[in-house]
Amino acid sequence: MINRTVGQPIENISYIGTKFYNFGENGTMSFYIPAWIGVCQMWFMVVGQIGGTSIICVFGFGTLCYLRLSTTLSIVSSAANNLQKQLFYSLVLQTLIPLILMHFPITIFFLCPMLNLDTDFATAFILITITLYPAVDPLPSFLIIKTYREAVFDVFRAVLCLKNGNSQQGAVGHSMISMNSAAVVKYQKSVQRS
């Protein structure tokens, strides 16, 4: 089907874009209306101005979350206050990551053909950012929330054998179990015996 439509075998095609313009025999350019209608529908779903679209929901509920947190944090303990702030900062970064790594690159993919510009200059970069998104998205939780950060660093220390006097298994065991539990005491005794 693609070979008949485009005149090229599928092996030679890396990206199929929307046809926004029709070119006449004398070189005149005219709008291809169905493509513009489809892109406008997608634009309103992602960034649009009608209530309930994704970006409006993200920023609206993020603002409501911040306002609610700022009023309730004054009546909770400092430990709960600190944890709530860490969770909120993690949430903010996890909101910005898809905007930077997915929404903006896809916007470039849509805008360039709409403006009759070639996307060759940005294709590799855009594909890399979209591919990186699943790997980068959980990092704010691991790096901002203190208990997760400490556990991740303990695991890295265990893998690199940086704990003094403990085997690799002992270091991993310490990072996985709360230091105040009876299981840790039993585990430490068994490691010392072996």
N, C-alpha and C. Protein backbone atom coordinates (compact mmCIF):
# COMPACT_ATOMS: atom_id res chain seq x y z
N MET A 1 0.82 -1.19 0.00
CA MET A 1 0.00 0.00 0.00
C MET A 1 0.87 1.27 0.00
N ILE A 2 1.89 1.28 0.85
CA ILE A 2 2.77 2.46 0.90
C ILE A 2 3.54 2.60 -0.40
N ASN A 3 3.97 1.49 -0.96
CA ASN A 3 4.70 1.53 -2.22
C ASN A 3 3.84 2.14 -3.32
N ARG A 4 2.54 1.79 -3.35
CA ARG A 4 1.65 2.36 -4.37
C ARG A 4 1.39 3.83 -4.10
N THR A 5 1.21 4.20 -2.81
CA THR A 5 0.83 5.58 -2.48
C THR A 5 2.00 6.54 -2.61
N VAL A 6 3.14 6.17 -2.04
CA VAL A 6 4.29 7.07 -1.99
C VAL A 6 5.26 6.85 -3.14
N GLY A 7 5.29 5.63 -3.65
CA GLY A 7 6.22 5.34 -4.74
C GLY A 7 7.57 4.88 -4.24
N GLN A 8 7.66 4.50 -2.97
CA GLN A 8 8.91 4.02 -2.38
C GLN A 8 8.62 2.75 -1.58
N PRO A 9 9.55 1.81 -1.54
CA PRO A 9 9.36 0.64 -0.68
C PRO A 9 9.48 1.05 0.79
N ILE A 10 8.86 0.30 1.69
CA ILE A 10 8.82 0.64 3.11
C ILE A 10 10.23 0.71 3.72
N GLU A 11 11.19 -0.04 3.18
CA GLU A 11 12.56 -0.02 3.69
C GLU A 11 13.22 1.35 3.54
N ASN A 12 12.78 2.14 2.59
CA ASN A 12 13.37 3.46 2.35
C ASN A 12 12.68 4.58 3.11
N ILE A 13 11.68 4.26 3.91
CA ILE A 13 10.90 5.29 4.60
C ILE A 13 11.15 5.18 6.09
N SER A 14 11.55 6.30 6.70
CA SER A 14 11.76 6.28 8.15
C SER A 14 10.67 7.05 8.89
N TYR A 15 10.01 7.96 8.24
CA TYR A 15 8.98 8.77 8.90
C TYR A 15 7.94 9.17 7.87
N ILE A 16 6.68 9.00 8.23
CA ILE A 16 5.59 9.44 7.36
C ILE A 16 4.87 10.57 8.07
N GLY A 17 4.87 11.72 7.48
CA GLY A 17 4.23 12.88 8.08
C GLY A 17 2.90 13.18 7.42
N THR A 18 2.25 14.15 8.00
CA THR A 18 0.96 14.57 7.47
C THR A 18 1.16 15.49 6.28
N LYS A 19 0.29 15.36 5.31
CA LYS A 19 0.34 16.21 4.12
C LYS A 19 -0.55 17.42 4.38
N PHE A 20 0.08 18.56 4.69
CA PHE A 20 -0.67 19.77 5.02
C PHE A 20 -1.00 20.63 3.81
N TYR A 21 -0.26 20.45 2.73
CA TYR A 21 -0.44 21.30 1.55
C TYR A 21 -0.56 20.46 0.30
N ASN A 22 -1.36 20.92 -0.63
CA ASN A 22 -1.42 20.36 -1.98
C ASN A 22 -0.67 21.30 -2.90
N PHE A 23 0.12 20.73 -3.76
CA PHE A 23 0.86 21.55 -4.72
C PHE A 23 0.27 21.33 -6.10
N GLY A 24 -0.11 22.40 -6.73
CA GLY A 24 -0.70 22.33 -8.07
C GLY A 24 0.36 22.14 -9.13
N GLU A 25 -0.10 21.93 -10.37
CA GLU A 25 0.82 21.72 -11.48
C GLU A 25 1.65 22.95 -11.77
N ASN A 26 1.10 24.14 -11.52
CA ASN A 26 1.86 25.36 -11.80
C ASN A 26 2.65 25.85 -10.58
N GLY A 27 2.76 25.00 -9.50
CA GLY A 27 3.55 25.35 -8.32
C GLY A 27 2.77 26.06 -7.23
N THR A 28 1.48 26.23 -7.40
CA THR A 28 0.70 26.89 -6.36
C THR A 28 0.48 25.92 -5.19
N MET A 29 0.39 26.51 -4.02
CA MET A 29 0.24 25.72 -2.80
C MET A 29 -1.12 26.03 -2.19
N SER A 30 -1.86 24.98 -1.79
CA SER A 30 -3.15 25.18 -1.14
C SER A 30 -3.24 24.26 0.08
N PHE A 31 -4.06 24.67 1.04
CA PHE A 31 -4.22 23.90 2.28
C PHE A 31 -4.94 22.58 1.99
N TYR A 32 -4.50 21.51 2.68
CA TYR A 32 -5.18 20.23 2.65
C TYR A 32 -6.01 20.16 3.95
N ILE A 33 -7.28 20.49 3.86
CA ILE A 33 -8.17 20.74 5.00
C ILE A 33 -8.26 19.55 5.97
N PRO A 34 -8.43 18.30 5.53
CA PRO A 34 -8.56 17.20 6.51
C PRO A 34 -7.36 17.10 7.47
N ALA A 35 -6.16 17.32 6.97
CA ALA A 35 -4.98 17.26 7.84
C ALA A 35 -5.00 18.36 8.88
N TRP A 36 -5.42 19.56 8.49
CA TRP A 36 -5.47 20.68 9.44
C TRP A 36 -6.54 20.44 10.51
N ILE A 37 -7.65 19.85 10.13
CA ILE A 37 -8.71 19.54 11.11
C ILE A 37 -8.19 18.51 12.12
N GLY A 38 -7.52 17.47 11.66
CA GLY A 38 -6.98 16.44 12.55
C GLY A 38 -5.95 16.99 13.52
N VAL A 39 -5.06 17.83 13.04
CA VAL A 39 -4.03 18.41 13.91
C VAL A 39 -4.65 19.37 14.92
N CYS A 40 -5.66 20.12 14.51
CA CYS A 40 -6.34 21.02 15.45
C CYS A 40 -7.03 20.22 16.55
N GLN A 41 -7.62 19.09 16.22
CA GLN A 41 -8.24 18.24 17.24
C GLN A 41 -7.19 17.72 18.22
N MET A 42 -6.06 17.27 17.73
CA MET A 42 -5.00 16.80 18.61
C MET A 42 -4.45 17.93 19.47
N TRP A 43 -4.30 19.11 18.88
CA TRP A 43 -3.78 20.26 19.62
C TRP A 43 -4.71 20.60 20.79
N PHE A 44 -6.01 20.57 20.58
CA PHE A 44 -6.94 20.87 21.66
C PHE A 44 -6.94 19.79 22.74
N MET A 45 -6.67 18.54 22.37
CA MET A 45 -6.61 17.49 23.38
C MET A 45 -5.36 17.64 24.25
N VAL A 46 -4.25 18.05 23.67
CA VAL A 46 -3.00 18.13 24.41
C VAL A 46 -2.82 19.47 25.10
N VAL A 47 -2.99 20.57 24.38
CA VAL A 47 -2.69 21.88 24.91
C VAL A 47 -3.89 22.81 24.90
N GLY A 48 -4.99 22.36 24.37
CA GLY A 48 -6.13 23.22 24.07
C GLY A 48 -6.68 24.08 25.17
N GLN A 49 -7.63 24.87 24.81
CA GLN A 49 -8.19 25.86 25.71
C GLN A 49 -9.50 25.41 26.33
N ILE A 50 -10.03 24.28 25.92
CA ILE A 50 -11.27 23.81 26.52
C ILE A 50 -10.96 23.09 27.82
N GLY A 51 -11.82 23.19 28.81
CA GLY A 51 -11.58 22.57 30.11
C GLY A 51 -11.44 21.07 29.98
N GLY A 52 -10.57 20.49 30.79
CA GLY A 52 -10.41 19.06 30.81
C GLY A 52 -9.29 18.54 29.93
N THR A 53 -8.55 19.40 29.24
CA THR A 53 -7.44 18.92 28.42
C THR A 53 -6.23 18.68 29.31
N SER A 54 -5.26 17.93 28.80
CA SER A 54 -4.18 17.41 29.65
C SER A 54 -3.33 18.50 30.29
N ILE A 55 -2.86 19.46 29.55
CA ILE A 55 -1.98 20.47 30.12
C ILE A 55 -2.72 21.34 31.12
N ILE A 56 -3.96 21.71 30.80
CA ILE A 56 -4.77 22.51 31.72
C ILE A 56 -4.99 21.73 33.02
N CYS A 57 -5.28 20.45 32.92
CA CYS A 57 -5.47 19.61 34.12
C CYS A 57 -4.18 19.54 34.94
N VAL A 58 -3.06 19.34 34.30
CA VAL A 58 -1.79 19.21 35.02
C VAL A 58 -1.51 20.47 35.81
N PHE A 59 -1.59 21.63 35.17
CA PHE A 59 -1.26 22.87 35.88
C PHE A 59 -2.36 23.26 36.86
N GLY A 60 -3.60 23.00 36.53
CA GLY A 60 -4.70 23.32 37.44
C GLY A 60 -4.64 22.51 38.72
N PHE A 61 -4.51 21.20 38.59
CA PHE A 61 -4.46 20.35 39.78
C PHE A 61 -3.14 20.52 40.53
N GLY A 62 -2.07 20.83 39.82
CA GLY A 62 -0.80 21.12 40.49
C GLY A 62 -0.90 22.34 41.37
N THR A 63 -1.56 23.39 40.86
CA THR A 63 -1.77 24.60 41.66
C THR A 63 -2.66 24.32 42.85
N LEU A 64 -3.73 23.57 42.64
CA LEU A 64 -4.61 23.22 43.76
C LEU A 64 -3.87 22.39 44.81
N CYS A 65 -3.02 21.48 44.38
CA CYS A 65 -2.23 20.67 45.30
C CYS A 65 -1.29 21.56 46.12
N TYR A 66 -0.64 22.50 45.46
CA TYR A 66 0.26 23.41 46.17
C TYR A 66 -0.49 24.25 47.20
N LEU A 67 -1.64 24.79 46.82
CA LEU A 67 -2.41 25.61 47.75
C LEU A 67 -2.89 24.79 48.94
N ARG A 68 -3.36 23.58 48.70
CA ARG A 68 -3.83 22.72 49.79
C ARG A 68 -2.67 22.34 50.70
N LEU A 69 -1.52 22.02 50.12
CA LEU A 69 -0.36 21.66 50.93
C LEU A 69 0.11 22.83 51.79
N SER A 70 0.12 24.01 51.21
CA SER A 70 0.63 25.16 51.97
C SER A 70 -0.26 25.49 53.17
N THR A 71 -1.55 25.18 53.10
CA THR A 71 -2.42 25.45 54.25
C THR A 71 -2.35 24.33 55.28
N THR A 72 -2.14 23.08 54.85
CA THR A 72 -2.15 21.97 55.81
C THR A 72 -0.78 21.68 56.41
N LEU A 73 0.30 22.13 55.78
CA LEU A 73 1.62 21.82 56.31
C LEU A 73 1.92 22.53 57.62
N SER A 74 1.19 23.58 57.93
CA SER A 74 1.45 24.31 59.17
C SER A 74 0.93 23.56 60.39
N ILE A 75 0.06 22.56 60.22
CA ILE A 75 -0.53 21.87 61.37
C ILE A 75 0.00 20.45 61.55
N VAL A 76 0.96 20.00 60.75
CA VAL A 76 1.49 18.66 60.87
C VAL A 76 2.91 18.71 61.42
N SER A 77 3.43 17.57 61.79
CA SER A 77 4.79 17.50 62.34
C SER A 77 5.82 17.88 61.29
N SER A 78 7.01 18.20 61.76
CA SER A 78 8.06 18.62 60.83
C SER A 78 8.48 17.47 59.92
N ALA A 79 8.44 16.22 60.41
CA ALA A 79 8.79 15.07 59.56
C ALA A 79 7.77 14.90 58.45
N ALA A 80 6.48 15.00 58.78
CA ALA A 80 5.44 14.89 57.75
C ALA A 80 5.51 16.08 56.79
N ASN A 81 5.80 17.25 57.33
CA ASN A 81 5.94 18.46 56.51
C ASN A 81 7.07 18.28 55.50
N ASN A 82 8.20 17.77 55.98
CA ASN A 82 9.36 17.56 55.12
C ASN A 82 9.05 16.54 54.02
N LEU A 83 8.41 15.44 54.39
CA LEU A 83 8.05 14.41 53.41
C LEU A 83 7.08 14.95 52.36
N GLN A 84 6.08 15.71 52.79
CA GLN A 84 5.12 16.28 51.84
C GLN A 84 5.80 17.23 50.86
N LYS A 85 6.74 18.02 51.34
CA LYS A 85 7.49 18.92 50.44
C LYS A 85 8.30 18.13 49.44
N GLN A 86 8.96 17.07 49.91
CA GLN A 86 9.75 16.24 48.99
C GLN A 86 8.87 15.60 47.93
N LEU A 87 7.71 15.09 48.35
CA LEU A 87 6.79 14.48 47.39
C LEU A 87 6.27 15.51 46.39
N PHE A 88 6.00 16.73 46.87
CA PHE A 88 5.51 17.77 45.95
C PHE A 88 6.59 18.17 44.94
N TYR A 89 7.83 18.35 45.39
CA TYR A 89 8.90 18.70 44.46
C TYR A 89 9.14 17.59 43.45
N SER A 90 9.04 16.35 43.91
CA SER A 90 9.16 15.22 43.00
C SER A 90 8.05 15.24 41.96
N LEU A 91 6.84 15.54 42.39
CA LEU A 91 5.69 15.61 41.48
C LEU A 91 5.88 16.71 40.44
N VAL A 92 6.40 17.86 40.88
CA VAL A 92 6.63 18.96 39.94
C VAL A 92 7.63 18.55 38.87
N LEU A 93 8.73 17.94 39.29
CA LEU A 93 9.71 17.50 38.30
C LEU A 93 9.16 16.41 37.39
N GLN A 94 8.35 15.50 37.94
CA GLN A 94 7.77 14.46 37.10
C GLN A 94 6.72 15.02 36.16
N THR A 95 6.26 16.23 36.41
CA THR A 95 5.37 16.91 35.48
C THR A 95 6.16 17.61 34.38
N LEU A 96 7.30 18.18 34.75
CA LEU A 96 8.11 18.89 33.76
C LEU A 96 8.82 17.94 32.79
N ILE A 97 9.18 16.76 33.25
CA ILE A 97 9.92 15.83 32.38
C ILE A 97 9.14 15.46 31.13
N PRO A 98 7.84 15.07 31.22
CA PRO A 98 7.15 14.77 29.96
C PRO A 98 6.94 16.00 29.09
N LEU A 99 6.80 17.17 29.71
CA LEU A 99 6.68 18.39 28.91
C LEU A 99 7.93 18.61 28.07
N ILE A 100 9.09 18.46 28.72
CA ILE A 100 10.36 18.73 28.03
C ILE A 100 10.73 17.60 27.08
N LEU A 101 10.52 16.36 27.50
CA LEU A 101 10.99 15.23 26.69
C LEU A 101 9.97 14.70 25.69
N MET A 102 8.68 15.05 25.86
CA MET A 102 7.68 14.52 24.92
C MET A 102 6.83 15.61 24.26
N HIS A 103 6.20 16.47 25.07
CA HIS A 103 5.28 17.44 24.48
C HIS A 103 5.99 18.43 23.55
N PHE A 104 7.09 19.02 24.00
CA PHE A 104 7.79 19.99 23.16
C PHE A 104 8.36 19.36 21.89
N PRO A 105 9.03 18.18 21.97
CA PRO A 105 9.51 17.57 20.72
C PRO A 105 8.39 17.21 19.75
N ILE A 106 7.28 16.69 20.26
CA ILE A 106 6.16 16.36 19.38
C ILE A 106 5.57 17.62 18.76
N THR A 107 5.56 18.71 19.54
CA THR A 107 5.09 19.99 19.00
C THR A 107 5.97 20.42 17.83
N ILE A 108 7.27 20.20 17.94
CA ILE A 108 8.18 20.53 16.83
C ILE A 108 7.85 19.67 15.61
N PHE A 109 7.58 18.38 15.87
CA PHE A 109 7.23 17.48 14.76
C PHE A 109 5.95 17.93 14.07
N PHE A 110 5.01 18.52 14.80
CA PHE A 110 3.78 19.00 14.19
C PHE A 110 3.96 20.37 13.54
N LEU A 111 4.66 21.26 14.20
CA LEU A 111 4.75 22.64 13.70
C LEU A 111 5.60 22.76 12.44
N CYS A 112 6.70 22.03 12.36
CA CYS A 112 7.57 22.16 11.19
C CYS A 112 6.84 21.82 9.89
N PRO A 113 6.16 20.69 9.79
CA PRO A 113 5.43 20.43 8.54
C PRO A 113 4.29 21.43 8.31
N MET A 114 3.68 21.92 9.40
CA MET A 114 2.61 22.91 9.24
C MET A 114 3.15 24.21 8.63
N LEU A 115 4.40 24.53 8.98
CA LEU A 115 5.02 25.74 8.44
C LEU A 115 5.82 25.45 7.17
N ASN A 116 5.66 24.23 6.65
CA ASN A 116 6.33 23.78 5.44
C ASN A 116 7.86 23.81 5.61
N LEU A 117 8.31 23.40 6.81
CA LEU A 117 9.74 23.30 7.11
C LEU A 117 10.13 21.83 7.21
N ASP A 118 11.37 21.54 6.88
CA ASP A 118 11.88 20.18 6.96
C ASP A 118 12.28 19.87 8.40
N THR A 119 12.01 18.65 8.87
CA THR A 119 12.33 18.27 10.25
C THR A 119 13.62 17.45 10.35
N ASP A 120 14.38 17.37 9.27
CA ASP A 120 15.62 16.58 9.31
C ASP A 120 16.58 17.07 10.38
N PHE A 121 16.61 18.37 10.63
CA PHE A 121 17.55 18.93 11.59
C PHE A 121 17.27 18.45 13.01
N ALA A 122 16.04 18.12 13.33
CA ALA A 122 15.68 17.79 14.70
C ALA A 122 15.22 16.36 14.90
N THR A 123 15.15 15.58 13.86
CA THR A 123 14.56 14.24 13.97
C THR A 123 15.30 13.37 14.97
N ALA A 124 16.61 13.30 14.89
CA ALA A 124 17.38 12.44 15.80
C ALA A 124 17.22 12.90 17.24
N PHE A 125 17.31 14.21 17.46
CA PHE A 125 17.17 14.74 18.83
C PHE A 125 15.79 14.43 19.40
N ILE A 126 14.77 14.61 18.61
CA ILE A 126 13.39 14.37 19.06
C ILE A 126 13.19 12.89 19.39
N LEU A 127 13.69 12.01 18.55
CA LEU A 127 13.54 10.59 18.82
C LEU A 127 14.31 10.17 20.07
N ILE A 128 15.46 10.77 20.31
CA ILE A 128 16.24 10.46 21.51
C ILE A 128 15.50 10.92 22.76
N THR A 129 14.93 12.13 22.74
CA THR A 129 14.24 12.62 23.94
C THR A 129 13.01 11.78 24.26
N ILE A 130 12.29 11.37 23.24
CA ILE A 130 11.11 10.54 23.49
C ILE A 130 11.52 9.16 24.02
N THR A 131 12.62 8.63 23.53
CA THR A 131 13.11 7.34 24.00
C THR A 131 13.63 7.43 25.43
N LEU A 132 14.21 8.55 25.82
CA LEU A 132 14.74 8.72 27.17
C LEU A 132 13.65 8.88 28.23
N TYR A 133 12.47 9.29 27.83
CA TYR A 133 11.43 9.61 28.81
C TYR A 133 11.16 8.50 29.84
N PRO A 134 10.93 7.25 29.44
CA PRO A 134 10.63 6.23 30.48
C PRO A 134 11.78 6.01 31.46
N ALA A 135 13.02 6.20 31.01
CA ALA A 135 14.17 6.01 31.90
C ALA A 135 14.37 7.18 32.85
N VAL A 136 14.06 8.38 32.40
CA VAL A 136 14.31 9.59 33.20
C VAL A 136 13.15 9.90 34.14
N ASP A 137 11.94 9.49 33.80
CA ASP A 137 10.76 9.88 34.58
C ASP A 137 10.80 9.48 36.05
N PRO A 138 11.26 8.29 36.45
CA PRO A 138 11.27 7.97 37.88
C PRO A 138 12.43 8.59 38.66
N LEU A 139 13.40 9.17 38.01
CA LEU A 139 14.57 9.70 38.71
C LEU A 139 14.26 10.76 39.76
N PRO A 140 13.32 11.69 39.55
CA PRO A 140 13.05 12.65 40.62
C PRO A 140 12.63 12.00 41.93
N SER A 141 11.85 10.94 41.87
CA SER A 141 11.46 10.26 43.11
C SER A 141 12.68 9.66 43.79
N PHE A 142 13.55 9.05 43.02
CA PHE A 142 14.73 8.43 43.61
C PHE A 142 15.71 9.46 44.17
N LEU A 143 15.79 10.61 43.57
CA LEU A 143 16.79 11.59 43.98
C LEU A 143 16.28 12.64 44.96
N ILE A 144 15.01 12.93 44.97
CA ILE A 144 14.48 13.99 45.83
C ILE A 144 14.00 13.45 47.17
N ILE A 145 13.28 12.34 47.17
CA ILE A 145 12.74 11.79 48.42
C ILE A 145 13.89 11.14 49.19
N LYS A 146 14.12 11.62 50.40
CA LYS A 146 15.31 11.27 51.16
C LYS A 146 15.46 9.77 51.38
N THR A 147 14.40 9.09 51.79
CA THR A 147 14.53 7.65 52.07
C THR A 147 14.84 6.86 50.81
N TYR A 148 14.25 7.22 49.69
CA TYR A 148 14.57 6.56 48.42
C TYR A 148 16.02 6.84 48.03
N ARG A 149 16.42 8.10 48.16
CA ARG A 149 17.79 8.49 47.80
C ARG A 149 18.80 7.70 48.62
N GLU A 150 18.58 7.61 49.93
CA GLU A 150 19.51 6.86 50.78
C GLU A 150 19.54 5.39 50.41
N ALA A 151 18.38 4.80 50.12
CA ALA A 151 18.34 3.39 49.72
C ALA A 151 19.07 3.16 48.41
N VAL A 152 18.88 4.07 47.45
CA VAL A 152 19.58 3.93 46.16
C VAL A 152 21.08 4.04 46.36
N PHE A 153 21.53 5.00 47.16
CA PHE A 153 22.97 5.14 47.41
C PHE A 153 23.51 3.92 48.16
N ASP A 154 22.73 3.36 49.09
CA ASP A 154 23.17 2.15 49.79
C ASP A 154 23.33 0.98 48.83
N VAL A 155 22.42 0.85 47.89
CA VAL A 155 22.52 -0.23 46.91
C VAL A 155 23.76 -0.02 46.03
N PHE A 156 24.02 1.22 45.61
CA PHE A 156 25.22 1.48 44.81
C PHE A 156 26.48 1.19 45.61
N ARG A 157 26.49 1.58 46.87
CA ARG A 157 27.64 1.27 47.71
C ARG A 157 27.82 -0.24 47.85
N ALA A 158 26.72 -0.96 47.99
CA ALA A 158 26.79 -2.41 48.13
C ALA A 158 27.31 -3.05 46.85
N VAL A 159 26.83 -2.57 45.72
CA VAL A 159 27.28 -3.14 44.45
C VAL A 159 28.76 -2.85 44.24
N LEU A 160 29.20 -1.67 44.64
CA LEU A 160 30.60 -1.30 44.48
C LEU A 160 31.46 -1.75 45.66
N CYS A 161 30.85 -2.45 46.63
CA CYS A 161 31.54 -2.97 47.82
C CYS A 161 32.24 -1.87 48.61
N LEU A 162 31.56 -0.76 48.83
CA LEU A 162 32.15 0.36 49.55
C LEU A 162 31.88 0.32 51.05
N LYS A 163 31.06 -0.60 51.53
CA LYS A 163 30.80 -0.69 52.97
C LYS A 163 31.97 -1.39 53.62
N ASN A 164 32.49 -0.84 54.72
CA ASN A 164 33.64 -1.42 55.42
C ASN A 164 33.23 -2.64 56.22
N GLY A 165 33.97 -3.73 56.05
CA GLY A 165 33.79 -4.91 56.87
C GLY A 165 32.58 -5.76 56.51
N ASN A 166 31.78 -5.38 55.56
CA ASN A 166 30.60 -6.17 55.20
C ASN A 166 30.79 -6.75 53.82
N SER A 167 30.20 -7.89 53.61
CA SER A 167 30.19 -8.46 52.27
C SER A 167 29.17 -7.73 51.43
N GLN A 168 29.14 -8.02 50.16
CA GLN A 168 28.17 -7.39 49.28
C GLN A 168 26.75 -7.74 49.71
N GLN A 169 26.50 -8.97 50.12
CA GLN A 169 25.17 -9.37 50.56
C GLN A 169 24.76 -8.60 51.80
N GLY A 170 25.69 -8.41 52.73
CA GLY A 170 25.37 -7.69 53.95
C GLY A 170 24.98 -6.26 53.67
N ALA A 171 25.68 -5.60 52.75
CA ALA A 171 25.36 -4.21 52.44
C ALA A 171 24.00 -4.09 51.78
N VAL A 172 23.69 -5.02 50.87
CA VAL A 172 22.38 -4.97 50.23
C VAL A 172 21.30 -5.23 51.25
N GLY A 173 21.55 -6.19 52.16
CA GLY A 173 20.58 -6.49 53.21
C GLY A 173 20.31 -5.28 54.08
N HIS A 174 21.33 -4.52 54.42
CA HIS A 174 21.14 -3.34 55.26
C HIS A 174 20.33 -2.26 54.55
N SER A 175 20.48 -2.13 53.23
CA SER A 175 19.74 -1.09 52.54
C SER A 175 18.27 -1.46 52.36
N MET A 176 17.96 -2.74 52.40
CA MET A 176 16.60 -3.16 52.15
C MET A 176 15.75 -3.25 53.41
N ILE A 177 16.36 -3.35 54.56
CA ILE A 177 15.62 -3.55 55.79
C ILE A 177 15.84 -2.35 56.69
N SER A 178 14.84 -1.92 57.38
CA SER A 178 14.96 -0.80 58.31
C SER A 178 16.01 -1.11 59.36
N MET A 179 16.85 -0.13 59.67
CA MET A 179 17.95 -0.34 60.60
C MET A 179 17.47 -0.58 62.03
N ASN A 180 16.24 -0.29 62.37
CA ASN A 180 15.74 -0.45 63.72
C ASN A 180 15.01 -1.77 63.95
N SER A 181 14.95 -2.63 62.95
CA SER A 181 14.15 -3.84 63.09
C SER A 181 14.97 -4.96 63.70
N ALA A 182 14.29 -5.91 64.31
CA ALA A 182 14.94 -7.07 64.91
C ALA A 182 15.56 -7.96 63.83
N ALA A 183 15.00 -7.93 62.64
CA ALA A 183 15.54 -8.74 61.55
C ALA A 183 16.95 -8.32 61.21
N VAL A 184 17.24 -7.03 61.32
CA VAL A 184 18.59 -6.55 61.02
C VAL A 184 19.58 -7.10 62.03
N VAL A 185 19.20 -7.10 63.30
CA VAL A 185 20.09 -7.61 64.34
C VAL A 185 20.41 -9.08 64.09
N LYS A 186 19.39 -9.88 63.76
CA LYS A 186 19.61 -11.29 63.45
C LYS A 186 20.52 -11.43 62.23
N TYR A 187 20.25 -10.60 61.23
CA TYR A 187 21.03 -10.69 59.99
C TYR A 187 22.48 -10.31 60.25
N GLN A 188 22.72 -9.26 61.05
CA GLN A 188 24.09 -8.84 61.35
C GLN A 188 24.84 -9.94 62.08
N LYS A 189 24.18 -10.62 63.00
CA LYS A 189 24.83 -11.71 63.73
C LYS A 189 25.19 -12.86 62.79
N SER A 190 24.29 -13.16 61.86
CA SER A 190 24.58 -14.27 60.92
C SER A 190 25.71 -13.90 59.98
N VAL A 191 25.82 -12.61 59.59
CA VAL A 191 26.91 -12.19 58.72
C VAL A 191 28.23 -12.24 59.47
N GLN A 192 28.22 -11.84 60.74
CA GLN A 192 29.45 -11.87 61.54
C GLN A 192 29.95 -13.29 61.76
N ARG A 193 29.02 -14.26 61.91
CA ARG A 193 29.40 -15.66 62.14
C ARG A 193 30.02 -16.26 60.90
N SER A 194 29.58 -15.83 59.72
CA SER A 194 30.08 -16.45 58.49
C SER A 194 31.34 -15.85 57.96
